[in-house]
Amino acid sequence: MSGMFSRRQRPRGRRGGFTLIELMVALVVSAIVISLAARLASDYMSSTNTATWVAQVQHDISRFSRLLKTEVNEACLVQVDTSPSTTATAPSTPCTPPVSACSTTAGTTLYLLLPVTLVDGSVTYRVISYSRNGSDLRRTGPPIAADGSLDTTQSDVSNVVVMDNLVNGSGGFRPSVDSSCTTATMSVQYAVPNGGGTVSRTYVFPIGVNFTRN
């Protein structure tokens, strides 16, 4: 009996380690997992970056619209493409619209005429302009003081960038005014970086109520 058991073949157990095929399968699976993880991480970072840019553009839009509304409300006249006169004398004043009325055709540059009361009580006039240069929206006019008011004691500052992410084309900034030169309308397109598309806005601002004519 003992001889019988001694000759019986023992079950073969699995040897330690992996076969070459198993190692190759494991490597392929690992590569796929790593690739998917990298793609998910990249997509997450891209979407987060885009969301950050969208938030920044929205912030810039809000800041720009407040600036523009303030300055148009302080103006007594708005025109497109032709700078208003600051030297007209009585009985015609600089704040009187052109005899032929303002052109309502959209242009490329918005001009604002602002009356400024000096210390001696006399009134002078300053012009502020907004125009697109490439993807920049630039302002030329009296500098803005730290408290947000115009520093009319200083000379004009030219081509100050107030927005730097406009669509680089005719739709990036299209100002127009009504025939009475008292209301400005601006169609603006903002380009969101990192593939965030575009954001379009239209602003309609009347000149200051103190200068509105019936």
N, C-alpha and C. Protein backbone atom coordinates (compact mmCIF):
# COMPACT_ATOMS: atom_id res chain seq x y z
N MET A 1 0.83 -1.20 0.00
CA MET A 1 0.00 0.00 0.00
C MET A 1 0.85 1.24 0.00
N SER A 2 1.90 1.16 0.84
CA SER A 2 2.78 2.31 0.88
C SER A 2 3.45 2.54 -0.45
N GLY A 3 3.73 1.46 -1.15
CA GLY A 3 4.34 1.62 -2.46
C GLY A 3 3.40 2.28 -3.44
N MET A 4 2.11 1.92 -3.31
CA MET A 4 1.13 2.52 -4.22
C MET A 4 1.08 4.03 -4.05
N PHE A 5 1.06 4.45 -2.76
CA PHE A 5 1.02 5.89 -2.52
C PHE A 5 2.30 6.58 -2.91
N SER A 6 3.39 5.83 -2.81
CA SER A 6 4.67 6.45 -3.15
C SER A 6 4.80 6.68 -4.63
N ARG A 7 4.11 5.87 -5.45
CA ARG A 7 4.21 6.05 -6.90
C ARG A 7 3.16 7.00 -7.45
N ARG A 8 2.14 7.37 -6.62
CA ARG A 8 1.08 8.25 -7.12
C ARG A 8 1.67 9.64 -7.40
N GLN A 9 1.30 10.21 -8.53
CA GLN A 9 1.79 11.54 -8.90
C GLN A 9 1.06 12.61 -8.09
N ARG A 10 1.82 13.49 -7.51
CA ARG A 10 1.22 14.59 -6.76
C ARG A 10 0.68 15.65 -7.74
N PRO A 11 -0.42 16.29 -7.34
CA PRO A 11 -0.96 17.36 -8.22
C PRO A 11 0.10 18.44 -8.41
N ARG A 12 0.16 18.89 -9.64
CA ARG A 12 1.12 19.93 -9.95
C ARG A 12 0.60 21.28 -9.43
N GLY A 13 1.33 21.94 -8.66
CA GLY A 13 0.98 23.28 -8.16
C GLY A 13 1.47 24.35 -9.14
N ARG A 14 0.87 25.57 -9.04
CA ARG A 14 1.28 26.68 -9.89
C ARG A 14 2.62 27.19 -9.43
N ARG A 15 3.51 27.33 -10.34
CA ARG A 15 4.81 27.88 -10.00
C ARG A 15 4.70 29.38 -9.72
N GLY A 16 5.59 29.94 -8.94
CA GLY A 16 5.58 31.35 -8.60
C GLY A 16 5.88 32.21 -9.83
N GLY A 17 5.42 33.55 -9.78
CA GLY A 17 5.69 34.48 -10.87
C GLY A 17 4.60 34.50 -11.92
N PHE A 18 4.84 35.35 -12.97
CA PHE A 18 3.86 35.52 -14.04
C PHE A 18 4.47 35.05 -15.36
N THR A 19 3.57 34.64 -16.21
CA THR A 19 4.03 34.28 -17.55
C THR A 19 4.26 35.56 -18.35
N LEU A 20 4.93 35.46 -19.47
CA LEU A 20 5.21 36.60 -20.33
C LEU A 20 3.92 37.23 -20.84
N ILE A 21 2.95 36.39 -21.18
CA ILE A 21 1.67 36.90 -21.69
C ILE A 21 0.96 37.70 -20.61
N GLU A 22 0.99 37.17 -19.37
CA GLU A 22 0.33 37.88 -18.27
C GLU A 22 0.99 39.23 -18.03
N LEU A 23 2.31 39.28 -18.11
CA LEU A 23 3.01 40.55 -17.93
C LEU A 23 2.66 41.56 -19.02
N MET A 24 2.58 41.06 -20.26
CA MET A 24 2.22 41.95 -21.36
C MET A 24 0.80 42.48 -21.20
N VAL A 25 -0.14 41.64 -20.80
CA VAL A 25 -1.52 42.09 -20.58
C VAL A 25 -1.57 43.14 -19.48
N ALA A 26 -0.82 42.88 -18.41
CA ALA A 26 -0.79 43.84 -17.30
C ALA A 26 -0.23 45.18 -17.74
N LEU A 27 0.83 45.15 -18.56
CA LEU A 27 1.41 46.39 -19.05
C LEU A 27 0.44 47.16 -19.92
N VAL A 28 -0.27 46.45 -20.80
CA VAL A 28 -1.25 47.10 -21.68
C VAL A 28 -2.37 47.74 -20.86
N VAL A 29 -2.90 46.99 -19.88
CA VAL A 29 -3.97 47.52 -19.03
C VAL A 29 -3.49 48.75 -18.26
N SER A 30 -2.26 48.67 -17.73
CA SER A 30 -1.70 49.81 -16.98
C SER A 30 -1.56 51.03 -17.87
N ALA A 31 -1.11 50.82 -19.11
CA ALA A 31 -0.96 51.94 -20.04
C ALA A 31 -2.29 52.59 -20.34
N ILE A 32 -3.33 51.77 -20.51
CA ILE A 32 -4.66 52.30 -20.78
C ILE A 32 -5.16 53.12 -19.60
N VAL A 33 -4.98 52.57 -18.40
CA VAL A 33 -5.43 53.26 -17.19
C VAL A 33 -4.70 54.60 -17.04
N ILE A 34 -3.38 54.58 -17.24
CA ILE A 34 -2.59 55.82 -17.12
C ILE A 34 -3.02 56.84 -18.17
N SER A 35 -3.28 56.36 -19.39
CA SER A 35 -3.71 57.27 -20.46
C SER A 35 -5.06 57.92 -20.14
N LEU A 36 -6.00 57.11 -19.63
CA LEU A 36 -7.30 57.65 -19.26
C LEU A 36 -7.19 58.64 -18.11
N ALA A 37 -6.35 58.31 -17.14
CA ALA A 37 -6.16 59.21 -16.00
C ALA A 37 -5.56 60.54 -16.45
N ALA A 38 -4.57 60.46 -17.35
CA ALA A 38 -3.94 61.68 -17.85
C ALA A 38 -4.93 62.53 -18.64
N ARG A 39 -5.78 61.86 -19.43
CA ARG A 39 -6.77 62.60 -20.22
C ARG A 39 -7.79 63.26 -19.31
N LEU A 40 -8.24 62.55 -18.27
CA LEU A 40 -9.19 63.13 -17.33
C LEU A 40 -8.58 64.33 -16.61
N ALA A 41 -7.32 64.19 -16.22
CA ALA A 41 -6.63 65.29 -15.54
C ALA A 41 -6.49 66.49 -16.46
N SER A 42 -6.14 66.21 -17.74
CA SER A 42 -5.98 67.29 -18.70
C SER A 42 -7.31 68.00 -18.95
N ASP A 43 -8.39 67.20 -19.11
CA ASP A 43 -9.71 67.79 -19.34
C ASP A 43 -10.14 68.63 -18.15
N TYR A 44 -9.85 68.13 -16.94
CA TYR A 44 -10.22 68.87 -15.73
C TYR A 44 -9.47 70.20 -15.66
N MET A 45 -8.17 70.13 -15.93
CA MET A 45 -7.36 71.36 -15.88
C MET A 45 -7.81 72.34 -16.95
N SER A 46 -8.14 71.82 -18.16
CA SER A 46 -8.59 72.69 -19.24
C SER A 46 -9.91 73.36 -18.92
N SER A 47 -10.86 72.57 -18.38
CA SER A 47 -12.16 73.14 -18.05
C SER A 47 -12.04 74.14 -16.91
N THR A 48 -11.17 73.85 -15.95
CA THR A 48 -10.96 74.77 -14.84
C THR A 48 -10.34 76.07 -15.34
N ASN A 49 -9.36 75.94 -16.26
CA ASN A 49 -8.71 77.12 -16.82
C ASN A 49 -9.69 77.96 -17.62
N THR A 50 -10.55 77.30 -18.40
CA THR A 50 -11.56 78.01 -19.18
C THR A 50 -12.53 78.75 -18.26
N ALA A 51 -12.97 78.07 -17.20
CA ALA A 51 -13.88 78.70 -16.25
C ALA A 51 -13.24 79.93 -15.61
N THR A 52 -11.95 79.85 -15.35
CA THR A 52 -11.23 80.99 -14.78
C THR A 52 -11.21 82.16 -15.75
N TRP A 53 -10.97 81.86 -17.03
CA TRP A 53 -10.95 82.92 -18.03
C TRP A 53 -12.33 83.54 -18.22
N VAL A 54 -13.37 82.71 -18.20
CA VAL A 54 -14.74 83.23 -18.33
C VAL A 54 -15.04 84.19 -17.18
N ALA A 55 -14.65 83.79 -15.97
CA ALA A 55 -14.87 84.65 -14.81
C ALA A 55 -14.10 85.97 -14.95
N GLN A 56 -12.87 85.89 -15.48
CA GLN A 56 -12.07 87.09 -15.66
C GLN A 56 -12.70 88.02 -16.70
N VAL A 57 -13.19 87.43 -17.80
CA VAL A 57 -13.85 88.24 -18.84
C VAL A 57 -15.10 88.91 -18.28
N GLN A 58 -15.88 88.17 -17.49
CA GLN A 58 -17.07 88.76 -16.89
C GLN A 58 -16.71 89.92 -15.97
N HIS A 59 -15.62 89.76 -15.24
CA HIS A 59 -15.15 90.85 -14.37
C HIS A 59 -14.74 92.07 -15.21
N ASP A 60 -14.02 91.82 -16.30
CA ASP A 60 -13.60 92.92 -17.17
C ASP A 60 -14.80 93.61 -17.81
N ILE A 61 -15.80 92.83 -18.20
CA ILE A 61 -17.02 93.40 -18.79
C ILE A 61 -17.69 94.33 -17.80
N SER A 62 -17.83 93.88 -16.57
CA SER A 62 -18.48 94.68 -15.55
C SER A 62 -17.71 95.98 -15.29
N ARG A 63 -16.39 95.87 -15.19
CA ARG A 63 -15.56 97.05 -14.94
C ARG A 63 -15.65 98.04 -16.10
N PHE A 64 -15.59 97.52 -17.33
CA PHE A 64 -15.64 98.39 -18.50
C PHE A 64 -16.99 99.08 -18.63
N SER A 65 -18.08 98.35 -18.41
CA SER A 65 -19.41 98.94 -18.56
C SER A 65 -19.64 100.05 -17.53
N ARG A 66 -19.10 99.87 -16.32
CA ARG A 66 -19.24 100.93 -15.31
C ARG A 66 -18.48 102.19 -15.74
N LEU A 67 -17.27 101.98 -16.26
CA LEU A 67 -16.47 103.12 -16.72
C LEU A 67 -17.17 103.86 -17.85
N LEU A 68 -17.65 103.09 -18.83
CA LEU A 68 -18.28 103.70 -19.99
C LEU A 68 -19.57 104.42 -19.62
N LYS A 69 -20.37 103.80 -18.77
CA LYS A 69 -21.63 104.42 -18.35
C LYS A 69 -21.35 105.73 -17.64
N THR A 70 -20.36 105.75 -16.76
CA THR A 70 -20.02 106.97 -16.02
C THR A 70 -19.61 108.08 -16.96
N GLU A 71 -18.75 107.76 -17.93
CA GLU A 71 -18.23 108.80 -18.81
C GLU A 71 -19.28 109.29 -19.81
N VAL A 72 -20.13 108.40 -20.31
CA VAL A 72 -21.19 108.85 -21.22
C VAL A 72 -22.19 109.72 -20.45
N ASN A 73 -22.49 109.34 -19.22
CA ASN A 73 -23.43 110.13 -18.43
C ASN A 73 -22.89 111.52 -18.11
N GLU A 74 -21.57 111.67 -18.11
CA GLU A 74 -20.97 112.98 -17.85
C GLU A 74 -20.86 113.81 -19.13
N ALA A 75 -21.10 113.18 -20.28
CA ALA A 75 -20.95 113.88 -21.56
C ALA A 75 -22.18 114.71 -21.88
N CYS A 76 -22.00 115.68 -22.77
CA CYS A 76 -23.13 116.47 -23.25
C CYS A 76 -23.40 116.19 -24.72
N LEU A 77 -22.51 115.36 -25.33
CA LEU A 77 -22.66 115.06 -26.75
C LEU A 77 -21.87 113.79 -27.05
N VAL A 78 -22.43 112.91 -27.90
CA VAL A 78 -21.72 111.71 -28.34
C VAL A 78 -21.76 111.65 -29.85
N GLN A 79 -20.65 111.27 -30.46
CA GLN A 79 -20.57 111.14 -31.91
C GLN A 79 -19.72 109.92 -32.27
N VAL A 80 -19.86 109.48 -33.52
CA VAL A 80 -19.09 108.34 -34.01
C VAL A 80 -18.22 108.78 -35.17
N ASP A 81 -16.95 108.41 -35.10
CA ASP A 81 -15.97 108.59 -36.18
C ASP A 81 -15.54 110.04 -36.46
N THR A 82 -16.30 111.03 -36.01
CA THR A 82 -15.90 112.43 -36.19
C THR A 82 -15.85 113.11 -34.84
N SER A 83 -14.69 113.59 -34.46
CA SER A 83 -14.54 114.21 -33.15
C SER A 83 -15.34 115.50 -33.05
N PRO A 84 -16.11 115.68 -31.98
CA PRO A 84 -16.88 116.91 -31.83
C PRO A 84 -15.99 118.12 -31.60
N SER A 85 -16.49 119.29 -31.97
CA SER A 85 -15.73 120.52 -31.79
C SER A 85 -15.74 120.94 -30.32
N THR A 86 -14.62 121.46 -29.86
CA THR A 86 -14.53 121.99 -28.49
C THR A 86 -14.40 123.51 -28.50
N THR A 87 -14.49 124.11 -29.67
CA THR A 87 -14.20 125.54 -29.77
C THR A 87 -15.36 126.38 -30.31
N ALA A 88 -16.52 125.76 -30.51
CA ALA A 88 -17.65 126.53 -31.02
C ALA A 88 -18.02 127.64 -30.03
N THR A 89 -18.48 128.76 -30.52
CA THR A 89 -18.82 129.90 -29.65
C THR A 89 -20.31 130.23 -29.77
N ALA A 90 -20.79 131.05 -28.84
CA ALA A 90 -22.20 131.43 -28.83
C ALA A 90 -22.56 132.13 -30.15
N PRO A 91 -23.80 131.99 -30.64
CA PRO A 91 -24.88 131.29 -29.97
C PRO A 91 -24.81 129.77 -30.07
N SER A 92 -23.93 129.23 -30.92
CA SER A 92 -23.76 127.77 -30.98
C SER A 92 -22.72 127.36 -29.94
N THR A 93 -23.02 126.35 -29.18
CA THR A 93 -22.07 125.86 -28.18
C THR A 93 -21.57 124.49 -28.61
N PRO A 94 -20.44 124.06 -28.06
CA PRO A 94 -19.92 122.73 -28.43
C PRO A 94 -20.91 121.60 -28.16
N CYS A 95 -21.81 121.80 -27.20
CA CYS A 95 -22.75 120.73 -26.87
C CYS A 95 -23.96 120.68 -27.79
N THR A 96 -24.01 121.54 -28.78
CA THR A 96 -25.10 121.52 -29.74
C THR A 96 -24.79 120.50 -30.84
N PRO A 97 -25.71 119.59 -31.14
CA PRO A 97 -25.45 118.60 -32.19
C PRO A 97 -25.18 119.26 -33.53
N PRO A 98 -24.50 118.56 -34.42
CA PRO A 98 -24.25 119.10 -35.76
C PRO A 98 -25.56 119.49 -36.44
N VAL A 99 -25.49 120.50 -37.29
CA VAL A 99 -26.69 121.00 -37.96
C VAL A 99 -27.38 119.88 -38.73
N SER A 100 -26.59 119.02 -39.36
CA SER A 100 -27.16 117.94 -40.17
C SER A 100 -27.55 116.72 -39.34
N ALA A 101 -27.43 116.81 -38.01
CA ALA A 101 -27.73 115.70 -37.09
C ALA A 101 -26.65 114.62 -37.18
N CYS A 102 -26.60 113.84 -36.15
CA CYS A 102 -25.58 112.79 -36.09
C CYS A 102 -25.92 111.65 -37.04
N SER A 103 -24.89 111.11 -37.64
CA SER A 103 -25.08 109.89 -38.44
C SER A 103 -25.33 108.73 -37.50
N THR A 104 -26.31 107.92 -37.82
CA THR A 104 -26.63 106.77 -36.98
C THR A 104 -25.96 105.49 -37.45
N THR A 105 -25.10 105.60 -38.46
CA THR A 105 -24.38 104.44 -38.97
C THR A 105 -23.29 104.03 -37.98
N ALA A 106 -23.20 102.73 -37.70
CA ALA A 106 -22.17 102.24 -36.78
C ALA A 106 -20.79 102.53 -37.34
N GLY A 107 -19.87 102.90 -36.48
CA GLY A 107 -18.52 103.22 -36.90
C GLY A 107 -17.48 102.43 -36.15
N THR A 108 -16.31 103.03 -35.99
CA THR A 108 -15.22 102.33 -35.32
C THR A 108 -14.72 103.06 -34.08
N THR A 109 -15.05 104.35 -33.94
CA THR A 109 -14.58 105.13 -32.80
C THR A 109 -15.74 105.92 -32.20
N LEU A 110 -15.87 105.85 -30.88
CA LEU A 110 -16.89 106.61 -30.17
C LEU A 110 -16.23 107.82 -29.52
N TYR A 111 -16.82 109.00 -29.73
CA TYR A 111 -16.31 110.23 -29.13
C TYR A 111 -17.32 110.77 -28.12
N LEU A 112 -16.82 111.21 -26.99
CA LEU A 112 -17.65 111.83 -25.95
C LEU A 112 -17.14 113.25 -25.72
N LEU A 113 -18.06 114.21 -25.68
CA LEU A 113 -17.69 115.59 -25.39
C LEU A 113 -18.14 115.93 -23.97
N LEU A 114 -17.19 116.30 -23.12
CA LEU A 114 -17.49 116.57 -21.73
C LEU A 114 -17.23 118.04 -21.38
N PRO A 115 -18.23 118.73 -20.81
CA PRO A 115 -18.00 120.09 -20.33
C PRO A 115 -17.31 120.04 -18.97
N VAL A 116 -16.33 120.88 -18.78
CA VAL A 116 -15.57 120.92 -17.52
C VAL A 116 -15.62 122.33 -16.96
N THR A 117 -16.13 122.46 -15.74
CA THR A 117 -16.20 123.77 -15.09
C THR A 117 -14.88 124.03 -14.36
N LEU A 118 -14.24 125.12 -14.69
CA LEU A 118 -12.95 125.47 -14.08
C LEU A 118 -13.17 126.21 -12.76
N VAL A 119 -12.07 126.45 -12.06
CA VAL A 119 -12.13 127.09 -10.75
C VAL A 119 -12.76 128.48 -10.84
N ASP A 120 -12.50 129.19 -11.92
CA ASP A 120 -13.03 130.55 -12.06
C ASP A 120 -14.48 130.57 -12.55
N GLY A 121 -15.08 129.38 -12.69
CA GLY A 121 -16.47 129.30 -13.10
C GLY A 121 -16.67 129.17 -14.59
N SER A 122 -15.63 129.36 -15.38
CA SER A 122 -15.76 129.21 -16.83
C SER A 122 -15.82 127.73 -17.20
N VAL A 123 -16.34 127.49 -18.39
CA VAL A 123 -16.51 126.10 -18.86
C VAL A 123 -15.61 125.85 -20.06
N THR A 124 -14.89 124.76 -19.99
CA THR A 124 -14.10 124.31 -21.13
C THR A 124 -14.59 122.92 -21.51
N TYR A 125 -14.08 122.39 -22.61
CA TYR A 125 -14.59 121.11 -23.11
C TYR A 125 -13.43 120.17 -23.40
N ARG A 126 -13.63 118.89 -23.03
CA ARG A 126 -12.63 117.85 -23.29
C ARG A 126 -13.30 116.70 -24.04
N VAL A 127 -12.52 116.04 -24.87
CA VAL A 127 -13.02 114.92 -25.67
C VAL A 127 -12.40 113.62 -25.17
N ILE A 128 -13.22 112.59 -25.04
CA ILE A 128 -12.76 111.23 -24.74
C ILE A 128 -13.16 110.35 -25.91
N SER A 129 -12.25 109.50 -26.35
CA SER A 129 -12.57 108.58 -27.45
C SER A 129 -12.27 107.15 -27.06
N TYR A 130 -13.06 106.24 -27.60
CA TYR A 130 -12.85 104.80 -27.45
C TYR A 130 -12.77 104.19 -28.84
N SER A 131 -11.74 103.38 -29.08
CA SER A 131 -11.61 102.73 -30.38
C SER A 131 -10.88 101.41 -30.21
N ARG A 132 -11.12 100.50 -31.15
CA ARG A 132 -10.48 99.18 -31.12
C ARG A 132 -9.18 99.21 -31.92
N ASN A 133 -8.15 98.60 -31.35
CA ASN A 133 -6.88 98.42 -32.04
C ASN A 133 -6.50 96.95 -31.90
N GLY A 134 -6.77 96.16 -32.96
CA GLY A 134 -6.56 94.72 -32.83
C GLY A 134 -7.57 94.16 -31.84
N SER A 135 -7.09 93.49 -30.81
CA SER A 135 -7.97 92.94 -29.78
C SER A 135 -8.08 93.86 -28.57
N ASP A 136 -7.47 95.05 -28.65
CA ASP A 136 -7.50 96.00 -27.54
C ASP A 136 -8.57 97.06 -27.76
N LEU A 137 -9.24 97.45 -26.69
CA LEU A 137 -10.09 98.64 -26.73
C LEU A 137 -9.32 99.73 -26.00
N ARG A 138 -9.10 100.85 -26.69
CA ARG A 138 -8.23 101.89 -26.15
C ARG A 138 -8.98 103.20 -25.94
N ARG A 139 -8.57 103.89 -24.91
CA ARG A 139 -9.19 105.16 -24.52
C ARG A 139 -8.17 106.28 -24.64
N THR A 140 -8.61 107.41 -25.19
CA THR A 140 -7.79 108.61 -25.24
C THR A 140 -8.59 109.74 -24.62
N GLY A 141 -7.99 110.45 -23.67
CA GLY A 141 -8.69 111.54 -23.00
C GLY A 141 -8.02 111.91 -21.70
N PRO A 142 -8.65 112.74 -20.89
CA PRO A 142 -8.09 113.11 -19.61
C PRO A 142 -7.84 111.88 -18.74
N PRO A 143 -6.74 111.85 -18.00
CA PRO A 143 -6.46 110.68 -17.15
C PRO A 143 -7.49 110.56 -16.03
N ILE A 144 -7.64 109.35 -15.52
CA ILE A 144 -8.57 109.10 -14.42
C ILE A 144 -7.79 109.12 -13.11
N ALA A 145 -8.26 109.93 -12.17
CA ALA A 145 -7.59 110.06 -10.88
C ALA A 145 -7.84 108.83 -10.01
N ALA A 146 -7.12 108.75 -8.90
CA ALA A 146 -7.22 107.58 -8.02
C ALA A 146 -8.63 107.41 -7.46
N ASP A 147 -9.38 108.51 -7.29
CA ASP A 147 -10.74 108.41 -6.75
C ASP A 147 -11.78 108.13 -7.83
N GLY A 148 -11.32 107.92 -9.08
CA GLY A 148 -12.23 107.60 -10.18
C GLY A 148 -12.72 108.79 -10.96
N SER A 149 -12.40 109.98 -10.52
CA SER A 149 -12.82 111.18 -11.25
C SER A 149 -11.81 111.52 -12.34
N LEU A 150 -12.24 112.37 -13.27
CA LEU A 150 -11.34 112.80 -14.33
C LEU A 150 -10.39 113.86 -13.80
N ASP A 151 -9.13 113.71 -14.12
CA ASP A 151 -8.15 114.74 -13.76
C ASP A 151 -8.02 115.69 -14.94
N THR A 152 -8.90 116.69 -14.97
CA THR A 152 -8.95 117.60 -16.11
C THR A 152 -7.85 118.64 -16.08
N THR A 153 -7.01 118.60 -15.04
CA THR A 153 -5.87 119.52 -15.00
C THR A 153 -4.70 119.00 -15.81
N GLN A 154 -4.78 117.74 -16.22
CA GLN A 154 -3.69 117.11 -16.95
C GLN A 154 -4.01 117.02 -18.44
N SER A 155 -2.97 116.88 -19.24
CA SER A 155 -3.15 116.68 -20.68
C SER A 155 -3.72 115.29 -20.95
N ASP A 156 -4.29 115.13 -22.14
CA ASP A 156 -4.86 113.84 -22.50
C ASP A 156 -3.79 112.74 -22.50
N VAL A 157 -4.23 111.55 -22.13
CA VAL A 157 -3.39 110.36 -22.21
C VAL A 157 -3.93 109.51 -23.36
N SER A 158 -3.06 109.17 -24.29
CA SER A 158 -3.50 108.49 -25.52
C SER A 158 -3.39 106.98 -25.44
N ASN A 159 -4.37 106.31 -26.04
CA ASN A 159 -4.34 104.86 -26.28
C ASN A 159 -4.09 104.03 -25.03
N VAL A 160 -4.82 104.35 -23.98
CA VAL A 160 -4.76 103.53 -22.76
C VAL A 160 -5.66 102.31 -22.96
N VAL A 161 -5.13 101.12 -22.77
CA VAL A 161 -5.90 99.88 -22.98
C VAL A 161 -6.86 99.68 -21.81
N VAL A 162 -8.16 99.63 -22.12
CA VAL A 162 -9.17 99.39 -21.09
C VAL A 162 -9.76 97.99 -21.20
N MET A 163 -9.60 97.33 -22.34
CA MET A 163 -9.97 95.93 -22.52
C MET A 163 -8.96 95.32 -23.47
N ASP A 164 -8.57 94.07 -23.20
CA ASP A 164 -7.54 93.47 -24.06
C ASP A 164 -7.94 92.11 -24.62
N ASN A 165 -9.20 91.81 -24.62
CA ASN A 165 -9.62 90.51 -25.15
C ASN A 165 -10.84 90.62 -26.06
N LEU A 166 -10.87 91.68 -26.87
CA LEU A 166 -11.95 91.81 -27.83
C LEU A 166 -11.71 90.90 -29.03
N VAL A 167 -12.80 90.57 -29.73
CA VAL A 167 -12.67 89.87 -31.00
C VAL A 167 -11.94 90.79 -31.97
N ASN A 168 -10.89 90.27 -32.60
CA ASN A 168 -10.09 91.08 -33.50
C ASN A 168 -10.77 91.15 -34.87
N GLY A 169 -11.80 91.96 -34.96
CA GLY A 169 -12.56 92.12 -36.19
C GLY A 169 -13.58 93.22 -36.02
N SER A 170 -14.36 93.48 -37.07
CA SER A 170 -15.30 94.60 -37.03
C SER A 170 -16.35 94.43 -35.94
N GLY A 171 -16.65 93.19 -35.57
CA GLY A 171 -17.65 92.96 -34.52
C GLY A 171 -17.10 93.16 -33.13
N GLY A 172 -15.79 93.35 -33.00
CA GLY A 172 -15.20 93.51 -31.68
C GLY A 172 -15.69 94.74 -30.96
N PHE A 173 -15.85 95.84 -31.72
CA PHE A 173 -16.36 97.09 -31.14
C PHE A 173 -17.05 97.88 -32.23
N ARG A 174 -18.38 98.04 -32.10
CA ARG A 174 -19.17 98.76 -33.11
C ARG A 174 -20.06 99.78 -32.41
N PRO A 175 -19.57 101.01 -32.29
CA PRO A 175 -20.38 102.05 -31.65
C PRO A 175 -21.30 102.75 -32.66
N SER A 176 -22.41 103.22 -32.18
CA SER A 176 -23.31 104.06 -32.98
C SER A 176 -24.02 105.02 -32.03
N VAL A 177 -24.62 106.06 -32.59
CA VAL A 177 -25.35 107.03 -31.77
C VAL A 177 -26.68 107.33 -32.44
N ASP A 178 -27.60 107.95 -31.68
CA ASP A 178 -28.87 108.35 -32.27
C ASP A 178 -28.68 109.68 -33.01
N SER A 179 -29.70 110.07 -33.76
CA SER A 179 -29.56 111.25 -34.62
C SER A 179 -29.41 112.55 -33.83
N SER A 180 -29.83 112.54 -32.56
CA SER A 180 -29.70 113.75 -31.75
C SER A 180 -28.37 113.82 -31.01
N CYS A 181 -27.53 112.82 -31.20
CA CYS A 181 -26.20 112.78 -30.57
C CYS A 181 -26.28 112.70 -29.05
N THR A 182 -27.34 112.11 -28.52
CA THR A 182 -27.52 112.09 -27.07
C THR A 182 -27.52 110.68 -26.47
N THR A 183 -27.49 109.66 -27.31
CA THR A 183 -27.47 108.28 -26.81
C THR A 183 -26.44 107.48 -27.58
N ALA A 184 -25.61 106.78 -26.85
CA ALA A 184 -24.58 105.94 -27.47
C ALA A 184 -24.94 104.47 -27.32
N THR A 185 -24.78 103.73 -28.39
CA THR A 185 -25.01 102.28 -28.39
C THR A 185 -23.72 101.60 -28.82
N MET A 186 -23.28 100.62 -28.05
CA MET A 186 -22.04 99.92 -28.36
C MET A 186 -22.26 98.42 -28.38
N SER A 187 -21.97 97.80 -29.52
CA SER A 187 -21.99 96.35 -29.62
C SER A 187 -20.54 95.87 -29.48
N VAL A 188 -20.33 94.98 -28.50
CA VAL A 188 -18.98 94.54 -28.19
C VAL A 188 -18.94 93.03 -28.13
N GLN A 189 -17.88 92.44 -28.69
CA GLN A 189 -17.67 90.99 -28.61
C GLN A 189 -16.35 90.72 -27.92
N TYR A 190 -16.42 89.89 -26.89
CA TYR A 190 -15.22 89.53 -26.13
C TYR A 190 -14.83 88.10 -26.47
N ALA A 191 -13.54 87.89 -26.69
CA ALA A 191 -13.02 86.55 -26.97
C ALA A 191 -12.50 85.96 -25.66
N VAL A 192 -13.06 84.81 -25.27
CA VAL A 192 -12.62 84.15 -24.04
C VAL A 192 -11.44 83.25 -24.39
N PRO A 193 -10.29 83.45 -23.77
CA PRO A 193 -9.11 82.61 -24.07
C PRO A 193 -9.37 81.14 -23.74
N ASN A 194 -8.44 80.30 -24.20
CA ASN A 194 -8.47 78.86 -23.92
C ASN A 194 -9.71 78.18 -24.50
N GLY A 195 -10.13 78.64 -25.67
CA GLY A 195 -11.25 77.98 -26.34
C GLY A 195 -12.59 78.21 -25.68
N GLY A 196 -12.74 79.33 -24.97
CA GLY A 196 -13.99 79.59 -24.26
C GLY A 196 -15.06 80.26 -25.09
N GLY A 197 -14.80 80.44 -26.40
CA GLY A 197 -15.80 81.06 -27.28
C GLY A 197 -15.82 82.57 -27.15
N THR A 198 -16.96 83.16 -27.46
CA THR A 198 -17.09 84.62 -27.40
C THR A 198 -18.28 85.00 -26.53
N VAL A 199 -18.20 86.20 -26.00
CA VAL A 199 -19.29 86.78 -25.22
C VAL A 199 -19.67 88.10 -25.87
N SER A 200 -20.94 88.26 -26.20
CA SER A 200 -21.41 89.48 -26.86
C SER A 200 -22.23 90.32 -25.89
N ARG A 201 -22.02 91.62 -25.96
CA ARG A 201 -22.77 92.55 -25.13
C ARG A 201 -23.16 93.77 -25.96
N THR A 202 -24.30 94.35 -25.66
CA THR A 202 -24.72 95.62 -26.26
C THR A 202 -25.05 96.59 -25.14
N TYR A 203 -24.41 97.75 -25.17
CA TYR A 203 -24.62 98.77 -24.15
C TYR A 203 -25.36 99.95 -24.79
N VAL A 204 -26.35 100.47 -24.09
CA VAL A 204 -27.06 101.66 -24.53
C VAL A 204 -27.03 102.66 -23.38
N PHE A 205 -26.28 103.75 -23.57
CA PHE A 205 -26.13 104.74 -22.51
C PHE A 205 -26.54 106.12 -23.02
N PRO A 206 -27.44 106.80 -22.33
CA PRO A 206 -27.77 108.19 -22.67
C PRO A 206 -26.76 109.13 -22.03
N ILE A 207 -26.64 110.32 -22.61
CA ILE A 207 -25.78 111.32 -21.97
C ILE A 207 -26.43 111.77 -20.66
N GLY A 208 -25.69 112.53 -19.87
CA GLY A 208 -26.19 112.96 -18.56
C GLY A 208 -27.52 113.67 -18.63
N VAL A 209 -28.36 113.45 -17.63
CA VAL A 209 -29.71 114.03 -17.63
C VAL A 209 -29.66 115.55 -17.65
N ASN A 210 -28.58 116.11 -17.14
CA ASN A 210 -28.47 117.58 -17.11
C ASN A 210 -28.32 118.16 -18.51
N PHE A 211 -27.96 117.30 -19.49
CA PHE A 211 -27.72 117.81 -20.83
C PHE A 211 -28.73 117.29 -21.85
N THR A 212 -29.63 116.42 -21.40
CA THR A 212 -30.60 115.83 -22.34
C THR A 212 -31.54 116.91 -22.87
N ARG A 213 -31.68 116.94 -24.16
CA ARG A 213 -32.55 117.94 -24.77
C ARG A 213 -33.83 117.28 -25.27
N ASN A 214 -34.92 118.00 -25.19
CA ASN A 214 -36.20 117.48 -25.67
C ASN A 214 -36.30 117.61 -27.18
